[in-house]
Amino acid sequence: MGNCAGIRALAKFGADINVLDFNEIPPILRAVFNCNYEVIRTLCELGARLSWTTTLHNVNNVLKEMAIKGTVEAMRILAASDSPPVDYHPEEIWFGFTAYRGRRHIYGRRFPIEEELAAFKDLLRKEGNKLGIAAETSALRDETLQGIADNDQDMNDEEKTDHFVDALENLPCLSRMETGELSANCISVSP
């Protein structure tokens, strides 16, 4: 609920500040969602982990969420913290930043995209532990700003959406689709 004194009291009496909720999301990520910067700072001071194990989704560290919807303020707080570095795959992180970051995904105050990119790079430098060899990472970084602009344009292009819907209607397997089996992650097709 954003009560830092309450968080400190609970931690003092043994509460697990890294506990996952029913969606397998830890308090640090909830604070990022809610743009509650004092809670982010407090949790970092108390030693909150910036990565965790999950079976429900692929967001298993705070860097992934920061790439998609983290604010500059939250990035700066995490970059200034003493939290241990988080392992990340460069291609995955930069894909999240370029493909999903858009005005409708950021809940807090927006900054010019160049400033958001600079804050994110600083966060990766201070809190990230790059895994693997990223052959295309520098090219991805160079194309970041254009990728974000293109993605925003694509999301707003109703004509492309209409063509996509028309194409889906012409696929024979979708005419047998069981609508009761639809979810955000899969489509079930009857035999």
N, C-alpha and C. Protein backbone atom coordinates (compact mmCIF):
# COMPACT_ATOMS: atom_id res chain seq x y z
N MET A 1 0.82 -1.21 0.00
CA MET A 1 0.00 0.00 0.00
C MET A 1 0.86 1.26 0.00
N GLY A 2 2.16 1.12 -0.12
CA GLY A 2 3.02 2.29 -0.20
C GLY A 2 3.44 2.85 1.13
N ASN A 3 3.24 2.12 2.22
CA ASN A 3 3.61 2.59 3.55
C ASN A 3 5.01 2.08 3.88
N CYS A 4 6.01 2.94 3.70
CA CYS A 4 7.40 2.52 3.90
C CYS A 4 7.69 2.16 5.34
N ALA A 5 7.08 2.87 6.30
CA ALA A 5 7.28 2.53 7.71
C ALA A 5 6.71 1.14 7.99
N GLY A 6 5.57 0.83 7.38
CA GLY A 6 4.97 -0.50 7.53
C GLY A 6 5.85 -1.58 6.92
N ILE A 7 6.45 -1.28 5.77
CA ILE A 7 7.36 -2.25 5.12
C ILE A 7 8.55 -2.52 6.02
N ARG A 8 9.12 -1.47 6.56
CA ARG A 8 10.29 -1.63 7.45
C ARG A 8 9.92 -2.43 8.70
N ALA A 9 8.74 -2.16 9.26
CA ALA A 9 8.30 -2.89 10.47
C ALA A 9 8.09 -4.36 10.15
N LEU A 10 7.44 -4.65 9.04
CA LEU A 10 7.22 -6.05 8.65
C LEU A 10 8.55 -6.77 8.44
N ALA A 11 9.49 -6.11 7.75
CA ALA A 11 10.80 -6.71 7.51
C ALA A 11 11.54 -6.95 8.83
N LYS A 12 11.41 -6.00 9.76
CA LYS A 12 12.07 -6.14 11.07
C LYS A 12 11.59 -7.38 11.81
N PHE A 13 10.32 -7.72 11.62
CA PHE A 13 9.76 -8.88 12.31
C PHE A 13 9.76 -10.14 11.44
N GLY A 14 10.57 -10.14 10.37
CA GLY A 14 10.81 -11.35 9.62
C GLY A 14 9.99 -11.56 8.35
N ALA A 15 9.21 -10.58 7.94
CA ALA A 15 8.44 -10.74 6.70
C ALA A 15 9.39 -10.85 5.51
N ASP A 16 9.02 -11.68 4.55
CA ASP A 16 9.83 -11.87 3.35
C ASP A 16 9.49 -10.77 2.35
N ILE A 17 10.43 -9.85 2.14
CA ILE A 17 10.17 -8.74 1.21
C ILE A 17 10.26 -9.17 -0.25
N ASN A 18 10.63 -10.42 -0.48
CA ASN A 18 10.72 -10.96 -1.84
C ASN A 18 9.60 -11.93 -2.17
N VAL A 19 8.61 -12.05 -1.30
CA VAL A 19 7.53 -13.01 -1.50
C VAL A 19 6.78 -12.68 -2.80
N LEU A 20 6.40 -13.72 -3.52
CA LEU A 20 5.65 -13.53 -4.77
C LEU A 20 4.16 -13.60 -4.49
N ASP A 21 3.38 -12.76 -5.17
CA ASP A 21 1.93 -12.80 -5.01
C ASP A 21 1.34 -13.91 -5.89
N PHE A 22 0.02 -13.98 -5.99
CA PHE A 22 -0.63 -15.05 -6.75
C PHE A 22 -0.31 -15.00 -8.24
N ASN A 23 0.18 -13.86 -8.74
CA ASN A 23 0.62 -13.75 -10.14
C ASN A 23 2.13 -13.91 -10.27
N GLU A 24 2.78 -14.36 -9.18
CA GLU A 24 4.23 -14.54 -9.13
C GLU A 24 4.97 -13.24 -9.42
N ILE A 25 4.49 -12.18 -8.80
CA ILE A 25 5.11 -10.86 -8.92
C ILE A 25 5.54 -10.42 -7.53
N PRO A 26 6.82 -10.00 -7.38
CA PRO A 26 7.30 -9.57 -6.07
C PRO A 26 6.94 -8.11 -5.78
N PRO A 27 7.05 -7.69 -4.52
CA PRO A 27 6.73 -6.31 -4.16
C PRO A 27 7.52 -5.26 -4.94
N ILE A 28 8.79 -5.54 -5.26
CA ILE A 28 9.59 -4.55 -5.99
C ILE A 28 8.97 -4.25 -7.36
N LEU A 29 8.42 -5.29 -8.01
CA LEU A 29 7.82 -5.08 -9.32
C LEU A 29 6.47 -4.36 -9.19
N ARG A 30 5.72 -4.65 -8.13
CA ARG A 30 4.46 -3.92 -7.88
C ARG A 30 4.75 -2.44 -7.67
N ALA A 31 5.84 -2.15 -6.96
CA ALA A 31 6.21 -0.74 -6.74
C ALA A 31 6.57 -0.06 -8.05
N VAL A 32 7.24 -0.80 -8.95
CA VAL A 32 7.55 -0.25 -10.28
C VAL A 32 6.26 0.01 -11.05
N PHE A 33 5.32 -0.96 -11.05
CA PHE A 33 4.02 -0.78 -11.72
C PHE A 33 3.32 0.48 -11.23
N ASN A 34 3.34 0.68 -9.90
CA ASN A 34 2.59 1.77 -9.28
C ASN A 34 3.37 3.08 -9.21
N CYS A 35 4.58 3.09 -9.76
CA CYS A 35 5.44 4.29 -9.72
C CYS A 35 5.59 4.80 -8.29
N ASN A 36 5.73 3.88 -7.35
CA ASN A 36 5.89 4.24 -5.95
C ASN A 36 7.38 4.23 -5.63
N TYR A 37 8.01 5.37 -5.87
CA TYR A 37 9.45 5.47 -5.81
C TYR A 37 10.02 5.30 -4.40
N GLU A 38 9.31 5.76 -3.38
CA GLU A 38 9.79 5.57 -2.01
C GLU A 38 9.78 4.09 -1.63
N VAL A 39 8.79 3.35 -2.10
CA VAL A 39 8.74 1.91 -1.83
C VAL A 39 9.88 1.21 -2.57
N ILE A 40 10.15 1.60 -3.80
CA ILE A 40 11.28 1.01 -4.55
C ILE A 40 12.56 1.24 -3.77
N ARG A 41 12.78 2.48 -3.34
CA ARG A 41 13.99 2.83 -2.59
C ARG A 41 14.07 2.02 -1.29
N THR A 42 12.95 1.93 -0.56
CA THR A 42 12.92 1.19 0.71
C THR A 42 13.22 -0.29 0.50
N LEU A 43 12.58 -0.89 -0.49
CA LEU A 43 12.82 -2.31 -0.76
C LEU A 43 14.26 -2.57 -1.16
N CYS A 44 14.84 -1.68 -1.95
CA CYS A 44 16.26 -1.84 -2.32
C CYS A 44 17.15 -1.75 -1.09
N GLU A 45 16.85 -0.79 -0.21
CA GLU A 45 17.63 -0.66 1.03
C GLU A 45 17.53 -1.90 1.90
N LEU A 46 16.38 -2.57 1.86
CA LEU A 46 16.16 -3.77 2.66
C LEU A 46 16.70 -5.04 1.98
N GLY A 47 17.26 -4.88 0.79
CA GLY A 47 17.87 -6.02 0.10
C GLY A 47 16.96 -6.81 -0.82
N ALA A 48 15.95 -6.17 -1.37
CA ALA A 48 15.05 -6.87 -2.29
C ALA A 48 15.83 -7.42 -3.49
N ARG A 49 15.48 -8.64 -3.86
CA ARG A 49 16.10 -9.25 -5.05
C ARG A 49 15.45 -8.64 -6.30
N LEU A 50 16.26 -8.45 -7.33
CA LEU A 50 15.76 -7.88 -8.58
C LEU A 50 15.47 -8.96 -9.62
N SER A 51 15.63 -10.24 -9.23
CA SER A 51 15.26 -11.35 -10.11
C SER A 51 14.61 -12.43 -9.25
N TRP A 52 13.81 -13.28 -9.89
CA TRP A 52 13.05 -14.30 -9.16
C TRP A 52 12.69 -15.42 -10.12
N THR A 53 12.17 -16.51 -9.58
CA THR A 53 11.75 -17.66 -10.39
C THR A 53 10.24 -17.59 -10.56
N THR A 54 9.78 -17.77 -11.79
CA THR A 54 8.35 -17.73 -12.09
C THR A 54 7.98 -18.83 -13.07
N THR A 55 6.76 -19.31 -12.98
CA THR A 55 6.25 -20.30 -13.93
C THR A 55 5.09 -19.77 -14.74
N LEU A 56 4.56 -18.59 -14.38
CA LEU A 56 3.36 -18.06 -15.03
C LEU A 56 3.64 -17.14 -16.21
N HIS A 57 4.81 -16.54 -16.26
CA HIS A 57 5.11 -15.57 -17.31
C HIS A 57 6.62 -15.49 -17.48
N ASN A 58 7.09 -14.66 -18.41
CA ASN A 58 8.53 -14.60 -18.66
C ASN A 58 9.20 -13.40 -18.00
N VAL A 59 8.46 -12.62 -17.21
CA VAL A 59 9.08 -11.50 -16.50
C VAL A 59 9.64 -12.06 -15.20
N ASN A 60 10.96 -12.30 -15.21
CA ASN A 60 11.60 -12.89 -14.04
C ASN A 60 12.70 -12.00 -13.46
N ASN A 61 12.77 -10.77 -13.96
CA ASN A 61 13.66 -9.79 -13.34
C ASN A 61 13.16 -8.39 -13.63
N VAL A 62 13.59 -7.47 -12.81
CA VAL A 62 13.08 -6.11 -12.88
C VAL A 62 13.56 -5.39 -14.14
N LEU A 63 14.68 -5.81 -14.72
CA LEU A 63 15.18 -5.15 -15.93
C LEU A 63 14.22 -5.33 -17.11
N LYS A 64 13.60 -6.51 -17.21
CA LYS A 64 12.64 -6.74 -18.30
C LYS A 64 11.46 -5.79 -18.19
N GLU A 65 10.95 -5.62 -16.98
CA GLU A 65 9.82 -4.73 -16.80
C GLU A 65 10.22 -3.27 -17.01
N MET A 66 11.42 -2.91 -16.58
CA MET A 66 11.91 -1.55 -16.81
C MET A 66 12.04 -1.25 -18.29
N ALA A 67 12.44 -2.25 -19.07
CA ALA A 67 12.56 -2.05 -20.52
C ALA A 67 11.22 -1.70 -21.14
N ILE A 68 10.17 -2.33 -20.66
CA ILE A 68 8.84 -2.14 -21.26
C ILE A 68 8.14 -0.91 -20.71
N LYS A 69 8.14 -0.73 -19.40
CA LYS A 69 7.33 0.36 -18.84
C LYS A 69 7.93 1.08 -17.65
N GLY A 70 9.22 0.93 -17.42
CA GLY A 70 9.83 1.63 -16.29
C GLY A 70 9.99 3.12 -16.55
N THR A 71 9.79 3.91 -15.52
CA THR A 71 9.98 5.35 -15.64
C THR A 71 11.44 5.72 -15.39
N VAL A 72 11.83 6.90 -15.83
CA VAL A 72 13.19 7.37 -15.61
C VAL A 72 13.49 7.43 -14.12
N GLU A 73 12.54 7.90 -13.32
CA GLU A 73 12.75 7.98 -11.88
C GLU A 73 13.04 6.61 -11.28
N ALA A 74 12.26 5.60 -11.66
CA ALA A 74 12.47 4.24 -11.14
C ALA A 74 13.82 3.70 -11.59
N MET A 75 14.19 3.96 -12.84
CA MET A 75 15.48 3.49 -13.34
C MET A 75 16.62 4.10 -12.55
N ARG A 76 16.51 5.39 -12.25
CA ARG A 76 17.57 6.07 -11.49
C ARG A 76 17.68 5.53 -10.07
N ILE A 77 16.57 5.24 -9.44
CA ILE A 77 16.60 4.69 -8.07
C ILE A 77 17.28 3.33 -8.08
N LEU A 78 16.91 2.46 -9.02
CA LEU A 78 17.51 1.13 -9.08
C LEU A 78 19.00 1.21 -9.43
N ALA A 79 19.36 2.11 -10.33
CA ALA A 79 20.76 2.26 -10.72
C ALA A 79 21.61 2.74 -9.54
N ALA A 80 21.03 3.53 -8.65
CA ALA A 80 21.75 4.06 -7.50
C ALA A 80 21.78 3.08 -6.32
N SER A 81 21.00 2.01 -6.40
CA SER A 81 20.92 1.07 -5.27
C SER A 81 22.16 0.17 -5.22
N ASP A 82 22.30 -0.50 -4.10
CA ASP A 82 23.41 -1.45 -3.91
C ASP A 82 23.00 -2.88 -4.25
N SER A 83 21.90 -3.04 -4.96
CA SER A 83 21.41 -4.38 -5.30
C SER A 83 22.42 -5.09 -6.19
N PRO A 84 22.55 -6.41 -6.02
CA PRO A 84 23.47 -7.15 -6.89
C PRO A 84 22.97 -7.15 -8.33
N PRO A 85 23.88 -7.25 -9.30
CA PRO A 85 23.50 -7.22 -10.72
C PRO A 85 22.56 -8.37 -11.08
N VAL A 86 21.76 -8.13 -12.10
CA VAL A 86 20.79 -9.10 -12.60
C VAL A 86 21.27 -9.61 -13.95
N ASP A 87 21.22 -10.94 -14.14
CA ASP A 87 21.56 -11.51 -15.44
C ASP A 87 20.49 -11.16 -16.46
N TYR A 88 20.92 -10.83 -17.68
CA TYR A 88 19.96 -10.55 -18.75
C TYR A 88 20.56 -10.90 -20.10
N HIS A 89 19.70 -11.17 -21.05
CA HIS A 89 20.09 -11.42 -22.43
C HIS A 89 19.88 -10.13 -23.21
N PRO A 90 20.92 -9.56 -23.80
CA PRO A 90 20.80 -8.27 -24.47
C PRO A 90 19.70 -8.21 -25.53
N GLU A 91 19.60 -9.25 -26.35
CA GLU A 91 18.59 -9.23 -27.41
C GLU A 91 17.18 -9.13 -26.83
N GLU A 92 16.93 -9.88 -25.76
CA GLU A 92 15.61 -9.88 -25.13
C GLU A 92 15.29 -8.51 -24.52
N ILE A 93 16.25 -7.93 -23.84
CA ILE A 93 16.05 -6.63 -23.20
C ILE A 93 15.81 -5.55 -24.24
N TRP A 94 16.63 -5.52 -25.29
CA TRP A 94 16.47 -4.46 -26.29
C TRP A 94 15.21 -4.67 -27.12
N PHE A 95 14.81 -5.92 -27.31
CA PHE A 95 13.54 -6.17 -27.99
C PHE A 95 12.40 -5.60 -27.16
N GLY A 96 12.41 -5.84 -25.85
CA GLY A 96 11.39 -5.28 -24.97
C GLY A 96 11.34 -3.77 -25.04
N PHE A 97 12.51 -3.15 -25.06
CA PHE A 97 12.56 -1.68 -25.08
C PHE A 97 12.04 -1.14 -26.41
N THR A 98 12.41 -1.77 -27.52
CA THR A 98 12.02 -1.24 -28.83
C THR A 98 10.61 -1.64 -29.24
N ALA A 99 10.19 -2.85 -28.92
CA ALA A 99 8.91 -3.34 -29.43
C ALA A 99 7.72 -2.97 -28.56
N TYR A 100 7.92 -2.91 -27.26
CA TYR A 100 6.77 -2.73 -26.37
C TYR A 100 6.70 -1.38 -25.68
N ARG A 101 7.79 -0.68 -25.62
CA ARG A 101 7.80 0.59 -24.91
C ARG A 101 7.02 1.61 -25.74
N GLY A 102 6.00 2.14 -25.18
CA GLY A 102 5.19 3.13 -25.87
C GLY A 102 4.44 3.96 -24.86
N ARG A 103 3.90 5.04 -25.28
CA ARG A 103 3.24 5.97 -24.36
C ARG A 103 2.13 5.30 -23.57
N ARG A 104 1.45 4.34 -24.13
CA ARG A 104 0.35 3.72 -23.41
C ARG A 104 0.81 2.68 -22.40
N HIS A 105 2.10 2.37 -22.37
CA HIS A 105 2.60 1.39 -21.41
C HIS A 105 3.23 2.01 -20.18
N ILE A 106 3.60 3.28 -20.24
CA ILE A 106 4.27 3.92 -19.12
C ILE A 106 3.21 4.55 -18.22
N TYR A 107 3.23 4.20 -16.95
CA TYR A 107 2.23 4.70 -16.02
C TYR A 107 2.64 6.03 -15.38
N GLY A 108 3.92 6.28 -15.23
CA GLY A 108 4.39 7.50 -14.58
C GLY A 108 4.66 8.61 -15.58
N ARG A 109 5.40 9.60 -15.11
CA ARG A 109 5.73 10.76 -15.92
C ARG A 109 6.65 10.36 -17.08
N ARG A 110 6.33 10.83 -18.27
CA ARG A 110 7.14 10.54 -19.45
C ARG A 110 8.23 11.59 -19.61
N PHE A 111 9.34 11.13 -20.16
CA PHE A 111 10.47 11.99 -20.51
C PHE A 111 10.69 11.83 -22.00
N PRO A 112 11.47 12.71 -22.63
CA PRO A 112 11.83 12.47 -24.03
C PRO A 112 12.48 11.10 -24.16
N ILE A 113 12.22 10.42 -25.26
CA ILE A 113 12.68 9.04 -25.43
C ILE A 113 14.21 8.95 -25.33
N GLU A 114 14.92 10.00 -25.74
CA GLU A 114 16.38 9.98 -25.63
C GLU A 114 16.81 9.91 -24.16
N GLU A 115 16.09 10.61 -23.28
CA GLU A 115 16.40 10.59 -21.85
C GLU A 115 16.03 9.24 -21.24
N GLU A 116 14.91 8.66 -21.67
CA GLU A 116 14.53 7.33 -21.19
C GLU A 116 15.57 6.30 -21.61
N LEU A 117 16.04 6.40 -22.85
CA LEU A 117 17.05 5.47 -23.34
C LEU A 117 18.35 5.62 -22.56
N ALA A 118 18.77 6.85 -22.29
CA ALA A 118 20.00 7.08 -21.52
C ALA A 118 19.87 6.51 -20.11
N ALA A 119 18.73 6.72 -19.46
CA ALA A 119 18.51 6.19 -18.11
C ALA A 119 18.51 4.67 -18.12
N PHE A 120 17.92 4.06 -19.17
CA PHE A 120 17.88 2.60 -19.25
C PHE A 120 19.28 2.03 -19.48
N LYS A 121 20.07 2.67 -20.34
CA LYS A 121 21.44 2.21 -20.57
C LYS A 121 22.26 2.29 -19.28
N ASP A 122 22.06 3.37 -18.51
CA ASP A 122 22.76 3.53 -17.24
C ASP A 122 22.34 2.43 -16.26
N LEU A 123 21.05 2.12 -16.22
CA LEU A 123 20.55 1.04 -15.37
C LEU A 123 21.19 -0.29 -15.75
N LEU A 124 21.26 -0.59 -17.03
CA LEU A 124 21.88 -1.85 -17.47
C LEU A 124 23.36 -1.89 -17.11
N ARG A 125 24.03 -0.77 -17.25
CA ARG A 125 25.45 -0.71 -16.92
C ARG A 125 25.69 -0.99 -15.43
N LYS A 126 24.81 -0.46 -14.57
CA LYS A 126 25.02 -0.58 -13.13
C LYS A 126 24.38 -1.82 -12.52
N GLU A 127 23.25 -2.26 -13.04
CA GLU A 127 22.51 -3.37 -12.42
C GLU A 127 22.42 -4.61 -13.30
N GLY A 128 23.00 -4.56 -14.49
CA GLY A 128 22.88 -5.69 -15.40
C GLY A 128 24.15 -6.50 -15.52
N ASN A 129 23.97 -7.77 -15.74
CA ASN A 129 25.07 -8.70 -16.00
C ASN A 129 24.75 -9.38 -17.32
N LYS A 130 25.33 -8.87 -18.40
CA LYS A 130 25.01 -9.33 -19.74
C LYS A 130 25.42 -10.79 -19.92
N LEU A 131 24.49 -11.59 -20.43
CA LEU A 131 24.75 -13.00 -20.70
C LEU A 131 24.88 -13.22 -22.20
N GLY A 132 25.68 -14.19 -22.59
CA GLY A 132 25.78 -14.57 -24.00
C GLY A 132 26.52 -13.52 -24.81
N ILE A 133 26.67 -13.84 -26.09
CA ILE A 133 27.33 -12.94 -27.03
C ILE A 133 26.25 -12.30 -27.87
N ALA A 134 26.22 -11.00 -27.86
CA ALA A 134 25.18 -10.26 -28.59
C ALA A 134 25.77 -9.68 -29.86
N ALA A 135 25.68 -10.42 -30.94
CA ALA A 135 26.24 -9.96 -32.21
C ALA A 135 25.56 -8.71 -32.73
N GLU A 136 24.27 -8.62 -32.51
CA GLU A 136 23.52 -7.50 -33.06
C GLU A 136 23.15 -6.44 -32.03
N THR A 137 23.67 -6.54 -30.82
CA THR A 137 23.23 -5.62 -29.76
C THR A 137 23.50 -4.17 -30.10
N SER A 138 24.68 -3.85 -30.62
CA SER A 138 24.98 -2.46 -30.94
C SER A 138 24.07 -1.95 -32.05
N ALA A 139 23.76 -2.79 -33.02
CA ALA A 139 22.84 -2.39 -34.08
C ALA A 139 21.44 -2.17 -33.51
N LEU A 140 21.03 -3.03 -32.56
CA LEU A 140 19.73 -2.86 -31.93
C LEU A 140 19.66 -1.54 -31.17
N ARG A 141 20.74 -1.21 -30.46
CA ARG A 141 20.75 0.06 -29.72
C ARG A 141 20.66 1.23 -30.68
N ASP A 142 21.37 1.15 -31.80
CA ASP A 142 21.35 2.25 -32.77
C ASP A 142 19.97 2.43 -33.38
N GLU A 143 19.22 1.34 -33.51
CA GLU A 143 17.91 1.40 -34.13
C GLU A 143 16.78 1.58 -33.13
N THR A 144 17.09 1.73 -31.86
CA THR A 144 16.07 1.78 -30.81
C THR A 144 15.06 2.88 -31.04
N LEU A 145 15.51 4.09 -31.22
CA LEU A 145 14.59 5.22 -31.34
C LEU A 145 13.68 5.07 -32.55
N GLN A 146 14.25 4.64 -33.69
CA GLN A 146 13.42 4.45 -34.88
C GLN A 146 12.45 3.29 -34.67
N GLY A 147 12.89 2.24 -33.99
CA GLY A 147 12.01 1.10 -33.73
C GLY A 147 10.81 1.49 -32.88
N ILE A 148 11.02 2.33 -31.89
CA ILE A 148 9.92 2.78 -31.05
C ILE A 148 8.94 3.60 -31.86
N ALA A 149 9.46 4.50 -32.67
CA ALA A 149 8.59 5.33 -33.50
C ALA A 149 7.80 4.46 -34.48
N ASP A 150 8.46 3.49 -35.11
CA ASP A 150 7.77 2.60 -36.05
C ASP A 150 6.70 1.78 -35.35
N ASN A 151 7.00 1.27 -34.15
CA ASN A 151 6.03 0.47 -33.40
C ASN A 151 4.80 1.29 -33.05
N ASP A 152 5.00 2.51 -32.59
CA ASP A 152 3.86 3.38 -32.28
C ASP A 152 3.01 3.60 -33.52
N GLN A 153 3.67 3.80 -34.67
CA GLN A 153 2.92 4.01 -35.92
C GLN A 153 2.14 2.75 -36.29
N ASP A 154 2.78 1.58 -36.18
CA ASP A 154 2.11 0.33 -36.51
C ASP A 154 0.89 0.09 -35.62
N MET A 155 1.02 0.40 -34.34
CA MET A 155 -0.09 0.16 -33.41
C MET A 155 -1.27 1.07 -33.70
N ASN A 156 -0.99 2.22 -34.33
CA ASN A 156 -2.06 3.17 -34.62
C ASN A 156 -2.59 3.04 -36.04
N ASP A 157 -2.05 2.13 -36.81
CA ASP A 157 -2.42 2.00 -38.21
C ASP A 157 -3.60 1.04 -38.34
N GLU A 158 -4.82 1.59 -38.39
CA GLU A 158 -6.03 0.76 -38.45
C GLU A 158 -6.11 -0.04 -39.75
N GLU A 159 -5.57 0.50 -40.83
CA GLU A 159 -5.62 -0.21 -42.11
C GLU A 159 -4.87 -1.54 -42.01
N LYS A 160 -3.70 -1.53 -41.38
CA LYS A 160 -2.94 -2.78 -41.21
C LYS A 160 -3.71 -3.76 -40.34
N THR A 161 -4.36 -3.25 -39.30
CA THR A 161 -5.14 -4.10 -38.41
C THR A 161 -6.28 -4.74 -39.19
N ASP A 162 -6.96 -3.98 -40.02
CA ASP A 162 -8.06 -4.52 -40.82
C ASP A 162 -7.57 -5.61 -41.76
N HIS A 163 -6.41 -5.40 -42.40
CA HIS A 163 -5.85 -6.43 -43.29
C HIS A 163 -5.51 -7.69 -42.51
N PHE A 164 -4.98 -7.54 -41.30
CA PHE A 164 -4.64 -8.69 -40.48
C PHE A 164 -5.90 -9.47 -40.11
N VAL A 165 -6.96 -8.78 -39.71
CA VAL A 165 -8.21 -9.45 -39.35
C VAL A 165 -8.79 -10.16 -40.57
N ASP A 166 -8.75 -9.52 -41.74
CA ASP A 166 -9.22 -10.17 -42.97
C ASP A 166 -8.42 -11.44 -43.26
N ALA A 167 -7.12 -11.38 -43.08
CA ALA A 167 -6.27 -12.55 -43.33
C ALA A 167 -6.62 -13.68 -42.36
N LEU A 168 -6.86 -13.35 -41.11
CA LEU A 168 -7.22 -14.37 -40.13
C LEU A 168 -8.53 -15.07 -40.50
N GLU A 169 -9.49 -14.30 -40.99
CA GLU A 169 -10.78 -14.88 -41.36
C GLU A 169 -10.66 -15.86 -42.52
N ASN A 170 -9.63 -15.70 -43.35
CA ASN A 170 -9.44 -16.57 -44.51
C ASN A 170 -8.65 -17.84 -44.20
N LEU A 171 -8.14 -17.97 -42.97
CA LEU A 171 -7.41 -19.18 -42.61
C LEU A 171 -8.41 -20.28 -42.26
N PRO A 172 -8.37 -21.42 -42.95
CA PRO A 172 -9.35 -22.48 -42.71
C PRO A 172 -9.33 -23.03 -41.29
N CYS A 173 -8.17 -23.09 -40.66
CA CYS A 173 -8.13 -23.67 -39.31
C CYS A 173 -8.85 -22.78 -38.31
N LEU A 174 -8.94 -21.49 -38.57
CA LEU A 174 -9.60 -20.61 -37.61
C LEU A 174 -11.11 -20.67 -37.71
N SER A 175 -11.63 -21.21 -38.79
CA SER A 175 -13.08 -21.35 -38.88
C SER A 175 -13.59 -22.42 -37.92
N ARG A 176 -12.68 -23.31 -37.46
CA ARG A 176 -13.05 -24.36 -36.53
C ARG A 176 -12.64 -24.02 -35.10
N MET A 177 -12.25 -22.80 -34.85
CA MET A 177 -11.74 -22.41 -33.55
C MET A 177 -12.82 -22.50 -32.48
N GLU A 178 -12.43 -23.03 -31.34
CA GLU A 178 -13.35 -23.11 -30.20
C GLU A 178 -13.19 -21.83 -29.40
N THR A 179 -14.18 -20.97 -29.43
CA THR A 179 -14.04 -19.69 -28.76
C THR A 179 -13.98 -19.83 -27.25
N GLY A 180 -14.47 -20.88 -26.70
CA GLY A 180 -14.40 -21.08 -25.25
C GLY A 180 -13.00 -21.39 -24.78
N GLU A 181 -12.09 -21.70 -25.67
CA GLU A 181 -10.73 -22.07 -25.30
C GLU A 181 -9.73 -20.96 -25.58
N LEU A 182 -10.18 -19.74 -25.82
CA LEU A 182 -9.27 -18.65 -26.09
C LEU A 182 -8.69 -18.10 -24.80
N SER A 183 -7.46 -17.72 -24.85
CA SER A 183 -6.82 -17.03 -23.73
C SER A 183 -5.82 -16.05 -24.31
N ALA A 184 -5.18 -15.29 -23.45
CA ALA A 184 -4.21 -14.31 -23.91
C ALA A 184 -2.96 -15.00 -24.47
N ASN A 185 -2.73 -16.25 -24.11
CA ASN A 185 -1.50 -16.92 -24.51
C ASN A 185 -1.66 -17.99 -25.58
N CYS A 186 -2.87 -18.45 -25.83
CA CYS A 186 -3.00 -19.54 -26.79
C CYS A 186 -4.36 -19.54 -27.44
N ILE A 187 -4.43 -20.25 -28.56
CA ILE A 187 -5.70 -20.48 -29.25
C ILE A 187 -5.80 -21.98 -29.44
N SER A 188 -6.90 -22.54 -29.04
CA SER A 188 -7.10 -23.97 -29.20
C SER A 188 -7.91 -24.22 -30.46
N VAL A 189 -7.45 -25.12 -31.29
CA VAL A 189 -8.14 -25.44 -32.53
C VAL A 189 -8.64 -26.87 -32.43
N SER A 190 -9.93 -27.05 -32.73
CA SER A 190 -10.49 -28.40 -32.63
C SER A 190 -10.01 -29.25 -33.79
N PRO A 191 -9.91 -30.56 -33.58
CA PRO A 191 -9.40 -31.45 -34.63
C PRO A 191 -10.37 -31.60 -35.79
